[in-house]
Amino acid sequence: MDRFIVVLITASSSAESARLSKALVKERLAACVNIVPGLRSVYRWKGRIESSAERLLIAKTRRSKLPQLIRRVRQLHSYSVPEIIALPMLAGHADYLRWIAASLVPEK
């Protein structure tokens, strides 16, 4: 069975996070994307310490969808190097996992 993953993606604004989330769900690259506002990221970029307000997107999908998801996020994202990190789902509620699987299959 194809493994499920959680993908973490940061976005610069409410509009960008909504655009990314809707595209990933509409295109069946993610079953669900949670948008967590109020994130502050501190990072090194081009030799400087930066701090930015961001939103965290938490996408649930299959491991096999990750290459397509990464391509699509890179096409739509405002950052030249967007954060896209995949973590394995070790276990979960069986009904929820079935719902994820069904949500990623195109309707006939």
PDB file of N, CA and C in Angstrom:
ATOM      1  N   MET A   1       0.839  -1.187   0.000  1.00  0.00           N
ATOM      2  CA  MET A   1       0.000   0.000   0.000  1.00  0.00           C
ATOM      3  C   MET A   1       0.881   1.246   0.000  1.00  0.00           C
ATOM      4  N   ASP A   2       0.497   2.206  -0.787  1.00  0.00           N
ATOM      5  CA  ASP A   2       1.202   3.475  -0.868  1.00  0.00           C
ATOM      6  C   ASP A   2       1.122   4.180   0.482  1.00  0.00           C
ATOM      7  N   ARG A   3       2.214   4.704   0.951  1.00  0.00           N
ATOM      8  CA  ARG A   3       2.248   5.348   2.256  1.00  0.00           C
ATOM      9  C   ARG A   3       1.710   6.763   2.202  1.00  0.00           C
ATOM     10  N   PHE A   4       1.087   7.160   3.291  1.00  0.00           N
ATOM     11  CA  PHE A   4       0.593   8.517   3.423  1.00  0.00           C
ATOM     12  C   PHE A   4       1.667   9.384   4.053  1.00  0.00           C
ATOM     13  N   ILE A   5       1.649  10.679   3.706  1.00  0.00           N
ATOM     14  CA  ILE A   5       2.611  11.631   4.253  1.00  0.00           C
ATOM     15  C   ILE A   5       1.895  12.929   4.631  1.00  0.00           C
ATOM     16  N   VAL A   6       2.559  13.699   5.460  1.00  0.00           N
ATOM     17  CA  VAL A   6       2.155  15.055   5.793  1.00  0.00           C
ATOM     18  C   VAL A   6       3.222  15.961   5.196  1.00  0.00           C
ATOM     19  N   VAL A   7       2.802  16.975   4.457  1.00  0.00           N
ATOM     20  CA  VAL A   7       3.749  17.887   3.814  1.00  0.00           C
ATOM     21  C   VAL A   7       3.585  19.266   4.442  1.00  0.00           C
ATOM     22  N   LEU A   8       4.682  19.817   4.932  1.00  0.00           N
ATOM     23  CA  LEU A   8       4.700  21.153   5.517  1.00  0.00           C
ATOM     24  C   LEU A   8       5.199  22.138   4.471  1.00  0.00           C
ATOM     25  N   ILE A   9       4.450  23.216   4.300  1.00  0.00           N
ATOM     26  CA  ILE A   9       4.786  24.251   3.318  1.00  0.00           C
ATOM     27  C   ILE A   9       4.543  25.595   3.990  1.00  0.00           C
ATOM     28  N   THR A  10       5.477  26.517   3.882  1.00  0.00           N
ATOM     29  CA  THR A  10       5.219  27.859   4.390  1.00  0.00           C
ATOM     30  C   THR A  10       4.822  28.767   3.235  1.00  0.00           C
ATOM     31  N   ALA A  11       4.008  29.773   3.563  1.00  0.00           N
ATOM     32  CA  ALA A  11       3.543  30.738   2.563  1.00  0.00           C
ATOM     33  C   ALA A  11       3.649  32.142   3.153  1.00  0.00           C
ATOM     34  N   SER A  12       3.792  33.120   2.271  1.00  0.00           N
ATOM     35  CA  SER A  12       4.056  34.489   2.708  1.00  0.00           C
ATOM     36  C   SER A  12       2.821  35.277   3.124  1.00  0.00           C
ATOM     37  N   SER A  13       1.633  34.841   2.693  1.00  0.00           N
ATOM     38  CA  SER A  13       0.437  35.638   2.958  1.00  0.00           C
ATOM     39  C   SER A  13      -0.802  34.753   3.011  1.00  0.00           C
ATOM     40  N   SER A  14      -1.892  35.334   3.474  1.00  0.00           N
ATOM     41  CA  SER A  14      -3.172  34.618   3.478  1.00  0.00           C
ATOM     42  C   SER A  14      -3.589  34.276   2.053  1.00  0.00           C
ATOM     43  N   ALA A  15      -3.420  35.222   1.149  1.00  0.00           N
ATOM     44  CA  ALA A  15      -3.813  34.989  -0.248  1.00  0.00           C
ATOM     45  C   ALA A  15      -2.992  33.861  -0.862  1.00  0.00           C
ATOM     46  N   GLU A  16      -1.690  33.867  -0.634  1.00  0.00           N
ATOM     47  CA  GLU A  16      -0.851  32.809  -1.206  1.00  0.00           C
ATOM     48  C   GLU A  16      -1.191  31.457  -0.591  1.00  0.00           C
ATOM     49  N   SER A  17      -1.399  31.406   0.714  1.00  0.00           N
ATOM     50  CA  SER A  17      -1.725  30.127   1.351  1.00  0.00           C
ATOM     51  C   SER A  17      -3.064  29.603   0.844  1.00  0.00           C
ATOM     52  N   ALA A  18      -4.041  30.465   0.641  1.00  0.00           N
ATOM     53  CA  ALA A  18      -5.343  30.038   0.099  1.00  0.00           C
ATOM     54  C   ALA A  18      -5.193  29.535  -1.328  1.00  0.00           C
ATOM     55  N   ARG A  19      -4.424  30.257  -2.145  1.00  0.00           N
ATOM     56  CA  ARG A  19      -4.218  29.867  -3.550  1.00  0.00           C
ATOM     57  C   ARG A  19      -3.528  28.504  -3.641  1.00  0.00           C
ATOM     58  N   LEU A  20      -2.475  28.312  -2.865  1.00  0.00           N
ATOM     59  CA  LEU A  20      -1.756  27.039  -2.868  1.00  0.00           C
ATOM     60  C   LEU A  20      -2.651  25.899  -2.386  1.00  0.00           C
ATOM     61  N   SER A  21      -3.340  26.114  -1.280  1.00  0.00           N
ATOM     62  CA  SER A  21      -4.192  25.072  -0.699  1.00  0.00           C
ATOM     63  C   SER A  21      -5.292  24.649  -1.659  1.00  0.00           C
ATOM     64  N   LYS A  22      -5.978  25.626  -2.233  1.00  0.00           N
ATOM     65  CA  LYS A  22      -7.065  25.308  -3.160  1.00  0.00           C
ATOM     66  C   LYS A  22      -6.561  24.563  -4.383  1.00  0.00           C
ATOM     67  N   ALA A  23      -5.421  24.956  -4.924  1.00  0.00           N
ATOM     68  CA  ALA A  23      -4.866  24.272  -6.092  1.00  0.00           C
ATOM     69  C   ALA A  23      -4.506  22.830  -5.763  1.00  0.00           C
ATOM     70  N   LEU A  24      -3.867  22.603  -4.622  1.00  0.00           N
ATOM     71  CA  LEU A  24      -3.452  21.242  -4.265  1.00  0.00           C
ATOM     72  C   LEU A  24      -4.649  20.320  -4.067  1.00  0.00           C
ATOM     73  N   VAL A  25      -5.705  20.828  -3.440  1.00  0.00           N
ATOM     74  CA  VAL A  25      -6.904  20.000  -3.220  1.00  0.00           C
ATOM     75  C   VAL A  25      -7.670  19.819  -4.527  1.00  0.00           C
ATOM     76  N   LYS A  26      -7.849  20.906  -5.282  1.00  0.00           N
ATOM     77  CA  LYS A  26      -8.582  20.819  -6.553  1.00  0.00           C
ATOM     78  C   LYS A  26      -7.919  19.835  -7.513  1.00  0.00           C
ATOM     79  N   GLU A  27      -6.593  19.861  -7.559  1.00  0.00           N
ATOM     80  CA  GLU A  27      -5.845  18.997  -8.474  1.00  0.00           C
ATOM     81  C   GLU A  27      -5.580  17.609  -7.891  1.00  0.00           C
ATOM     82  N   ARG A  28      -6.155  17.323  -6.720  1.00  0.00           N
ATOM     83  CA  ARG A  28      -6.049  16.036  -6.036  1.00  0.00           C
ATOM     84  C   ARG A  28      -4.604  15.654  -5.712  1.00  0.00           C
ATOM     85  N   LEU A  29      -3.797  16.659  -5.457  1.00  0.00           N
ATOM     86  CA  LEU A  29      -2.429  16.425  -4.999  1.00  0.00           C
ATOM     87  C   LEU A  29      -2.386  16.328  -3.478  1.00  0.00           C
ATOM     88  N   ALA A  30      -3.444  16.821  -2.831  1.00  0.00           N
ATOM     89  CA  ALA A  30      -3.613  16.713  -1.380  1.00  0.00           C
ATOM     90  C   ALA A  30      -5.091  16.501  -1.096  1.00  0.00           C
ATOM     91  N   ALA A  31      -5.372  15.701  -0.082  1.00  0.00           N
ATOM     92  CA  ALA A  31      -6.765  15.476   0.310  1.00  0.00           C
ATOM     93  C   ALA A  31      -7.274  16.645   1.140  1.00  0.00           C
ATOM     94  N   CYS A  32      -6.405  17.229   1.916  1.00  0.00           N
ATOM     95  CA  CYS A  32      -6.762  18.301   2.838  1.00  0.00           C
ATOM     96  C   CYS A  32      -5.515  19.135   3.091  1.00  0.00           C
ATOM     97  N   VAL A  33      -5.699  20.441   3.226  1.00  0.00           N
ATOM     98  CA  VAL A  33      -4.595  21.317   3.604  1.00  0.00           C
ATOM     99  C   VAL A  33      -5.092  22.223   4.729  1.00  0.00           C
ATOM    100  N   ASN A  34      -4.440  22.137   5.875  1.00  0.00           N
ATOM    101  CA  ASN A  34      -4.734  23.045   6.984  1.00  0.00           C
ATOM    102  C   ASN A  34      -3.856  24.278   6.831  1.00  0.00           C
ATOM    103  N   ILE A  35      -4.419  25.449   7.102  1.00  0.00           N
ATOM    104  CA  ILE A  35      -3.661  26.696   7.060  1.00  0.00           C
ATOM    105  C   ILE A  35      -3.557  27.215   8.491  1.00  0.00           C
ATOM    106  N   VAL A  36      -2.333  27.328   8.969  1.00  0.00           N
ATOM    107  CA  VAL A  36      -2.083  27.797  10.334  1.00  0.00           C
ATOM    108  C   VAL A  36      -1.498  29.202  10.257  1.00  0.00           C
ATOM    109  N   PRO A  37      -2.264  30.221  10.669  1.00  0.00           N
ATOM    110  CA  PRO A  37      -1.757  31.592  10.615  1.00  0.00           C
ATOM    111  C   PRO A  37      -0.881  31.902  11.842  1.00  0.00           C
ATOM    112  N   GLY A  38      -0.265  33.065  11.817  1.00  0.00           N
ATOM    113  CA  GLY A  38       0.452  33.554  12.985  1.00  0.00           C
ATOM    114  C   GLY A  38       1.839  32.973  13.184  1.00  0.00           C
ATOM    115  N   LEU A  39       2.421  32.437  12.150  1.00  0.00           N
ATOM    116  CA  LEU A  39       3.749  31.836  12.240  1.00  0.00           C
ATOM    117  C   LEU A  39       4.812  32.913  12.049  1.00  0.00           C
ATOM    118  N   ARG A  40       5.881  32.858  12.812  1.00  0.00           N
ATOM    119  CA  ARG A  40       7.024  33.744  12.616  1.00  0.00           C
ATOM    120  C   ARG A  40       8.218  32.854  12.361  1.00  0.00           C
ATOM    121  N   SER A  41       8.872  33.025  11.227  1.00  0.00           N
ATOM    122  CA  SER A  41      10.049  32.228  10.868  1.00  0.00           C
ATOM    123  C   SER A  41      11.298  33.091  10.976  1.00  0.00           C
ATOM    124  N   VAL A  42      12.351  32.516  11.543  1.00  0.00           N
ATOM    125  CA  VAL A  42      13.664  33.156  11.625  1.00  0.00           C
ATOM    126  C   VAL A  42      14.619  32.240  10.883  1.00  0.00           C
ATOM    127  N   TYR A  43      15.356  32.799   9.927  1.00  0.00           N
ATOM    128  CA  TYR A  43      16.184  31.975   9.059  1.00  0.00           C
ATOM    129  C   TYR A  43      17.332  32.798   8.476  1.00  0.00           C
ATOM    130  N   ARG A  44      18.306  32.090   7.934  1.00  0.00           N
ATOM    131  CA  ARG A  44      19.430  32.744   7.259  1.00  0.00           C
ATOM    132  C   ARG A  44      19.146  32.718   5.762  1.00  0.00           C
ATOM    133  N   TRP A  45      19.258  33.892   5.118  1.00  0.00           N
ATOM    134  CA  TRP A  45      19.029  33.981   3.674  1.00  0.00           C
ATOM    135  C   TRP A  45      20.019  34.964   3.088  1.00  0.00           C
ATOM    136  N   LYS A  46      20.830  34.482   2.152  1.00  0.00           N
ATOM    137  CA  LYS A  46      21.837  35.299   1.475  1.00  0.00           C
ATOM    138  C   LYS A  46      22.740  36.021   2.469  1.00  0.00           C
ATOM    139  N   GLY A  47      23.182  35.262   3.496  1.00  0.00           N
ATOM    140  CA  GLY A  47      24.143  35.777   4.456  1.00  0.00           C
ATOM    141  C   GLY A  47      23.571  36.648   5.565  1.00  0.00           C
ATOM    142  N   ARG A  48      22.275  36.814   5.599  1.00  0.00           N
ATOM    143  CA  ARG A  48      21.650  37.661   6.629  1.00  0.00           C
ATOM    144  C   ARG A  48      20.637  36.849   7.429  1.00  0.00           C
ATOM    145  N   ILE A  49      20.463  37.221   8.687  1.00  0.00           N
ATOM    146  CA  ILE A  49      19.406  36.635   9.508  1.00  0.00           C
ATOM    147  C   ILE A  49      18.132  37.411   9.210  1.00  0.00           C
ATOM    148  N   GLU A  50      17.097  36.700   8.795  1.00  0.00           N
ATOM    149  CA  GLU A  50      15.806  37.302   8.431  1.00  0.00           C
ATOM    150  C   GLU A  50      14.730  36.818   9.388  1.00  0.00           C
ATOM    151  N   SER A  51      13.648  37.560   9.455  1.00  0.00           N
ATOM    152  CA  SER A  51      12.479  37.173  10.228  1.00  0.00           C
ATOM    153  C   SER A  51      11.245  37.593   9.437  1.00  0.00           C
ATOM    154  N   SER A  52      10.316  36.655   9.241  1.00  0.00           N
ATOM    155  CA  SER A  52       9.144  36.935   8.424  1.00  0.00           C
ATOM    156  C   SER A  52       7.892  36.342   9.043  1.00  0.00           C
ATOM    157  N   ALA A  53       6.786  37.045   8.859  1.00  0.00           N
ATOM    158  CA  ALA A  53       5.481  36.484   9.200  1.00  0.00           C
ATOM    159  C   ALA A  53       5.090  35.544   8.063  1.00  0.00           C
ATOM    160  N   GLU A  54       4.639  34.351   8.415  1.00  0.00           N
ATOM    161  CA  GLU A  54       4.260  33.371   7.408  1.00  0.00           C
ATOM    162  C   GLU A  54       3.038  32.601   7.876  1.00  0.00           C
ATOM    163  N   ARG A  55       2.522  31.765   7.001  1.00  0.00           N
ATOM    164  CA  ARG A  55       1.481  30.811   7.321  1.00  0.00           C
ATOM    165  C   ARG A  55       2.051  29.429   7.053  1.00  0.00           C
ATOM    166  N   LEU A  56       1.629  28.466   7.851  1.00  0.00           N
ATOM    167  CA  LEU A  56       2.073  27.090   7.671  1.00  0.00           C
ATOM    168  C   LEU A  56       0.940  26.286   7.051  1.00  0.00           C
ATOM    169  N   LEU A  57       1.223  25.630   5.944  1.00  0.00           N
ATOM    170  CA  LEU A  57       0.267  24.731   5.315  1.00  0.00           C
ATOM    171  C   LEU A  57       0.648  23.306   5.689  1.00  0.00           C
ATOM    172  N   ILE A  58      -0.356  22.539   6.090  1.00  0.00           N
ATOM    173  CA  ILE A  58      -0.154  21.141   6.460  1.00  0.00           C
ATOM    174  C   ILE A  58      -1.020  20.315   5.511  1.00  0.00           C
ATOM    175  N   ALA A  59      -0.377  19.677   4.542  1.00  0.00           N
ATOM    176  CA  ALA A  59      -1.094  18.924   3.506  1.00  0.00           C
ATOM    177  C   ALA A  59      -0.991  17.428   3.774  1.00  0.00           C
ATOM    178  N   LYS A  60      -2.112  16.724   3.584  1.00  0.00           N
ATOM    179  CA  LYS A  60      -2.136  15.274   3.723  1.00  0.00           C
ATOM    180  C   LYS A  60      -2.288  14.648   2.345  1.00  0.00           C
ATOM    181  N   THR A  61      -1.378  13.705   2.032  1.00  0.00           N
ATOM    182  CA  THR A  61      -1.370  13.103   0.702  1.00  0.00           C
ATOM    183  C   THR A  61      -0.680  11.748   0.741  1.00  0.00           C
ATOM    184  N   ARG A  62      -0.480  11.170  -0.428  1.00  0.00           N
ATOM    185  CA  ARG A  62       0.271   9.923  -0.586  1.00  0.00           C
ATOM    186  C   ARG A  62       1.716  10.255  -0.964  1.00  0.00           C
ATOM    187  N   ARG A  63       2.613   9.399  -0.605  1.00  0.00           N
ATOM    188  CA  ARG A  63       4.033   9.566  -0.950  1.00  0.00           C
ATOM    189  C   ARG A  63       4.208   9.662  -2.467  1.00  0.00           C
ATOM    190  N   SER A  64       3.440   8.895  -3.212  1.00  0.00           N
ATOM    191  CA  SER A  64       3.579   8.877  -4.670  1.00  0.00           C
ATOM    192  C   SER A  64       3.179  10.210  -5.317  1.00  0.00           C
ATOM    193  N   LYS A  65       2.418  11.030  -4.620  1.00  0.00           N
ATOM    194  CA  LYS A  65       1.993  12.326  -5.151  1.00  0.00           C
ATOM    195  C   LYS A  65       3.026  13.429  -4.900  1.00  0.00           C
ATOM    196  N   LEU A  66       4.035  13.163  -4.070  1.00  0.00           N
ATOM    197  CA  LEU A  66       4.977  14.204  -3.667  1.00  0.00           C
ATOM    198  C   LEU A  66       5.699  14.889  -4.823  1.00  0.00           C
ATOM    199  N   PRO A  67       6.237  14.183  -5.814  1.00  0.00           N
ATOM    200  CA  PRO A  67       6.915  14.894  -6.908  1.00  0.00           C
ATOM    201  C   PRO A  67       5.997  15.884  -7.632  1.00  0.00           C
ATOM    202  N   GLN A  68       4.751  15.485  -7.881  1.00  0.00           N
ATOM    203  CA  GLN A  68       3.795  16.384  -8.540  1.00  0.00           C
ATOM    204  C   GLN A  68       3.454  17.572  -7.632  1.00  0.00           C
ATOM    205  N   LEU A  69       3.268  17.285  -6.348  1.00  0.00           N
ATOM    206  CA  LEU A  69       2.951  18.347  -5.393  1.00  0.00           C
ATOM    207  C   LEU A  69       4.084  19.369  -5.341  1.00  0.00           C
ATOM    208  N   ILE A  70       5.318  18.903  -5.271  1.00  0.00           N
ATOM    209  CA  ILE A  70       6.469  19.811  -5.239  1.00  0.00           C
ATOM    210  C   ILE A  70       6.513  20.665  -6.506  1.00  0.00           C
ATOM    211  N   ARG A  71       6.335  20.040  -7.662  1.00  0.00           N
ATOM    212  CA  ARG A  71       6.338  20.801  -8.925  1.00  0.00           C
ATOM    213  C   ARG A  71       5.271  21.899  -8.909  1.00  0.00           C
ATOM    214  N   ARG A  72       4.068  21.542  -8.450  1.00  0.00           N
ATOM    215  CA  ARG A  72       2.967  22.503  -8.467  1.00  0.00           C
ATOM    216  C   ARG A  72       3.200  23.638  -7.479  1.00  0.00           C
ATOM    217  N   VAL A  73       3.671  23.323  -6.296  1.00  0.00           N
ATOM    218  CA  VAL A  73       3.970  24.376  -5.316  1.00  0.00           C
ATOM    219  C   VAL A  73       5.038  25.305  -5.873  1.00  0.00           C
ATOM    220  N   ARG A  74       6.066  24.767  -6.477  1.00  0.00           N
ATOM    221  CA  ARG A  74       7.130  25.609  -7.043  1.00  0.00           C
ATOM    222  C   ARG A  74       6.601  26.508  -8.157  1.00  0.00           C
ATOM    223  N   GLN A  75       5.638  26.022  -8.938  1.00  0.00           N
ATOM    224  CA  GLN A  75       5.050  26.849  -9.995  1.00  0.00           C
ATOM    225  C   GLN A  75       4.250  28.016  -9.423  1.00  0.00           C
ATOM    226  N   LEU A  76       3.556  27.790  -8.338  1.00  0.00           N
ATOM    227  CA  LEU A  76       2.632  28.782  -7.789  1.00  0.00           C
ATOM    228  C   LEU A  76       3.231  29.671  -6.704  1.00  0.00           C
ATOM    229  N   HIS A  77       4.322  29.249  -6.098  1.00  0.00           N
ATOM    230  CA  HIS A  77       4.868  29.920  -4.910  1.00  0.00           C
ATOM    231  C   HIS A  77       5.646  31.185  -5.260  1.00  0.00           C
ATOM    232  N   SER A  78       5.585  32.152  -4.362  1.00  0.00           N
ATOM    233  CA  SER A  78       6.309  33.408  -4.569  1.00  0.00           C
ATOM    234  C   SER A  78       7.793  33.301  -4.208  1.00  0.00           C
ATOM    235  N   TYR A  79       8.163  32.317  -3.398  1.00  0.00           N
ATOM    236  CA  TYR A  79       9.563  32.170  -2.978  1.00  0.00           C
ATOM    237  C   TYR A  79      10.368  31.436  -4.049  1.00  0.00           C
ATOM    238  N   SER A  80      11.629  31.812  -4.202  1.00  0.00           N
ATOM    239  CA  SER A  80      12.491  31.080  -5.125  1.00  0.00           C
ATOM    240  C   SER A  80      12.874  29.710  -4.560  1.00  0.00           C
ATOM    241  N   VAL A  81      12.884  29.581  -3.225  1.00  0.00           N
ATOM    242  CA  VAL A  81      13.178  28.316  -2.557  1.00  0.00           C
ATOM    243  C   VAL A  81      12.105  28.082  -1.486  1.00  0.00           C
ATOM    244  N   PRO A  82      10.928  27.616  -1.890  1.00  0.00           N
ATOM    245  CA  PRO A  82       9.878  27.398  -0.894  1.00  0.00           C
ATOM    246  C   PRO A  82      10.184  26.211   0.012  1.00  0.00           C
ATOM    247  N   GLU A  83       9.737  26.323   1.252  1.00  0.00           N
ATOM    248  CA  GLU A  83       9.852  25.200   2.189  1.00  0.00           C
ATOM    249  C   GLU A  83       8.797  24.165   1.825  1.00  0.00           C
ATOM    250  N   ILE A  84       9.252  22.962   1.519  1.00  0.00           N
ATOM    251  CA  ILE A  84       8.359  21.831   1.247  1.00  0.00           C
ATOM    252  C   ILE A  84       9.026  20.628   1.910  1.00  0.00           C
ATOM    253  N   ILE A  85       8.471  20.197   3.037  1.00  0.00           N
ATOM    254  CA  ILE A  85       9.063  19.107   3.815  1.00  0.00           C
ATOM    255  C   ILE A  85       8.022  18.019   4.001  1.00  0.00           C
ATOM    256  N   ALA A  86       8.346  16.791   3.641  1.00  0.00           N
ATOM    257  CA  ALA A  86       7.422  15.668   3.789  1.00  0.00           C
ATOM    258  C   ALA A  86       7.812  14.813   4.989  1.00  0.00           C
ATOM    259  N   LEU A  87       6.810  14.465   5.780  1.00  0.00           N
ATOM    260  CA  LEU A  87       6.998  13.609   6.951  1.00  0.00           C
ATOM    261  C   LEU A  87       6.097  12.388   6.813  1.00  0.00           C
ATOM    262  N   PRO A  88       6.572  11.216   7.197  1.00  0.00           N
ATOM    263  CA  PRO A  88       5.734  10.021   7.080  1.00  0.00           C
ATOM    264  C   PRO A  88       4.623  10.014   8.127  1.00  0.00           C
ATOM    265  N   MET A  89       3.479   9.485   7.734  1.00  0.00           N
ATOM    266  CA  MET A  89       2.406   9.195   8.688  1.00  0.00           C
ATOM    267  C   MET A  89       2.640   7.765   9.142  1.00  0.00           C
ATOM    268  N   LEU A  90       2.943   7.583  10.383  1.00  0.00           N
ATOM    269  CA  LEU A  90       3.221   6.236  10.879  1.00  0.00           C
ATOM    270  C   LEU A  90       1.954   5.441  11.127  1.00  0.00           C
ATOM    271  N   ALA A  91       0.891   6.125  11.498  1.00  0.00           N
ATOM    272  CA  ALA A  91      -0.381   5.472  11.767  1.00  0.00           C
ATOM    273  C   ALA A  91      -1.463   6.537  11.772  1.00  0.00           C
ATOM    274  N   GLY A  92      -2.707   6.087  11.772  1.00  0.00           N
ATOM    275  CA  GLY A  92      -3.811   7.033  11.814  1.00  0.00           C
ATOM    276  C   GLY A  92      -5.135   6.307  11.908  1.00  0.00           C
ATOM    277  N   HIS A  93      -6.170   7.072  12.115  1.00  0.00           N
ATOM    278  CA  HIS A  93      -7.517   6.539  12.176  1.00  0.00           C
ATOM    279  C   HIS A  93      -7.854   5.938  10.812  1.00  0.00           C
ATOM    280  N   ALA A  94      -8.227   4.682  10.790  1.00  0.00           N
ATOM    281  CA  ALA A  94      -8.428   3.957   9.531  1.00  0.00           C
ATOM    282  C   ALA A  94      -9.438   4.648   8.621  1.00  0.00           C
ATOM    283  N   ASP A  95     -10.539   5.131   9.174  1.00  0.00           N
ATOM    284  CA  ASP A  95     -11.542   5.815   8.345  1.00  0.00           C
ATOM    285  C   ASP A  95     -10.974   7.083   7.722  1.00  0.00           C
ATOM    286  N   TYR A  96     -10.175   7.813   8.485  1.00  0.00           N
ATOM    287  CA  TYR A  96      -9.562   9.043   7.955  1.00  0.00           C
ATOM    288  C   TYR A  96      -8.582   8.712   6.835  1.00  0.00           C
ATOM    289  N   LEU A  97      -7.795   7.681   7.012  1.00  0.00           N
ATOM    290  CA  LEU A  97      -6.836   7.290   5.979  1.00  0.00           C
ATOM    291  C   LEU A  97      -7.554   6.834   4.710  1.00  0.00           C
ATOM    292  N   ARG A  98      -8.677   6.145   4.864  1.00  0.00           N
ATOM    293  CA  ARG A  98      -9.474   5.762   3.691  1.00  0.00           C
ATOM    294  C   ARG A  98     -10.028   7.006   2.994  1.00  0.00           C
ATOM    295  N   TRP A  99     -10.438   7.992   3.777  1.00  0.00           N
ATOM    296  CA  TRP A  99     -10.948   9.242   3.205  1.00  0.00           C
ATOM    297  C   TRP A  99      -9.844   9.953   2.415  1.00  0.00           C
ATOM    298  N   ILE A 100      -8.622  10.000   2.963  1.00  0.00           N
ATOM    299  CA  ILE A 100      -7.501  10.603   2.227  1.00  0.00           C
ATOM    300  C   ILE A 100      -7.333   9.880   0.888  1.00  0.00           C
ATOM    301  N   ALA A 101      -7.276   8.569   0.928  1.00  0.00           N
ATOM    302  CA  ALA A 101      -7.071   7.776  -0.293  1.00  0.00           C
ATOM    303  C   ALA A 101      -8.165   8.082  -1.321  1.00  0.00           C
ATOM    304  N   ALA A 102      -9.403   8.097  -0.872  1.00  0.00           N
ATOM    305  CA  ALA A 102     -10.527   8.351  -1.794  1.00  0.00           C
ATOM    306  C   ALA A 102     -10.487   9.775  -2.357  1.00  0.00           C
ATOM    307  N   SER A 103     -10.041  10.722  -1.566  1.00  0.00           N
ATOM    308  CA  SER A 103     -10.003  12.123  -1.995  1.00  0.00           C
ATOM    309  C   SER A 103      -8.945  12.397  -3.047  1.00  0.00           C
ATOM    310  N   LEU A 104      -7.966  11.523  -3.155  1.00  0.00           N
ATOM    311  CA  LEU A 104      -6.868  11.718  -4.104  1.00  0.00           C
ATOM    312  C   LEU A 104      -7.127  11.053  -5.453  1.00  0.00           C
ATOM    313  N   VAL A 105      -8.213  10.300  -5.560  1.00  0.00           N
ATOM    314  CA  VAL A 105      -8.556   9.595  -6.793  1.00  0.00           C
ATOM    315  C   VAL A 105      -9.518  10.452  -7.618  1.00  0.00           C
ATOM    316  N   PRO A 106      -9.224  10.689  -8.890  1.00  0.00           N
ATOM    317  CA  PRO A 106     -10.142  11.469  -9.724  1.00  0.00           C
ATOM    318  C   PRO A 106     -11.530  10.840  -9.793  1.00  0.00           C
ATOM    319  N   GLU A 107     -12.539  11.696  -9.787  1.00  0.00           N
ATOM    320  CA  GLU A 107     -13.916  11.208  -9.912  1.00  0.00           C
ATOM    321  C   GLU A 107     -14.165  10.740 -11.331  1.00  0.00           C
ATOM    322  N   LYS A 108     -15.031   9.742 -11.460  1.00  0.00           N
ATOM    323  CA  LYS A 108     -15.343   9.188 -12.790  1.00  0.00           C
ATOM    324  C   LYS A 108     -16.543   9.870 -13.372  1.00  0.00           C
TER     325      LYS A 108
END
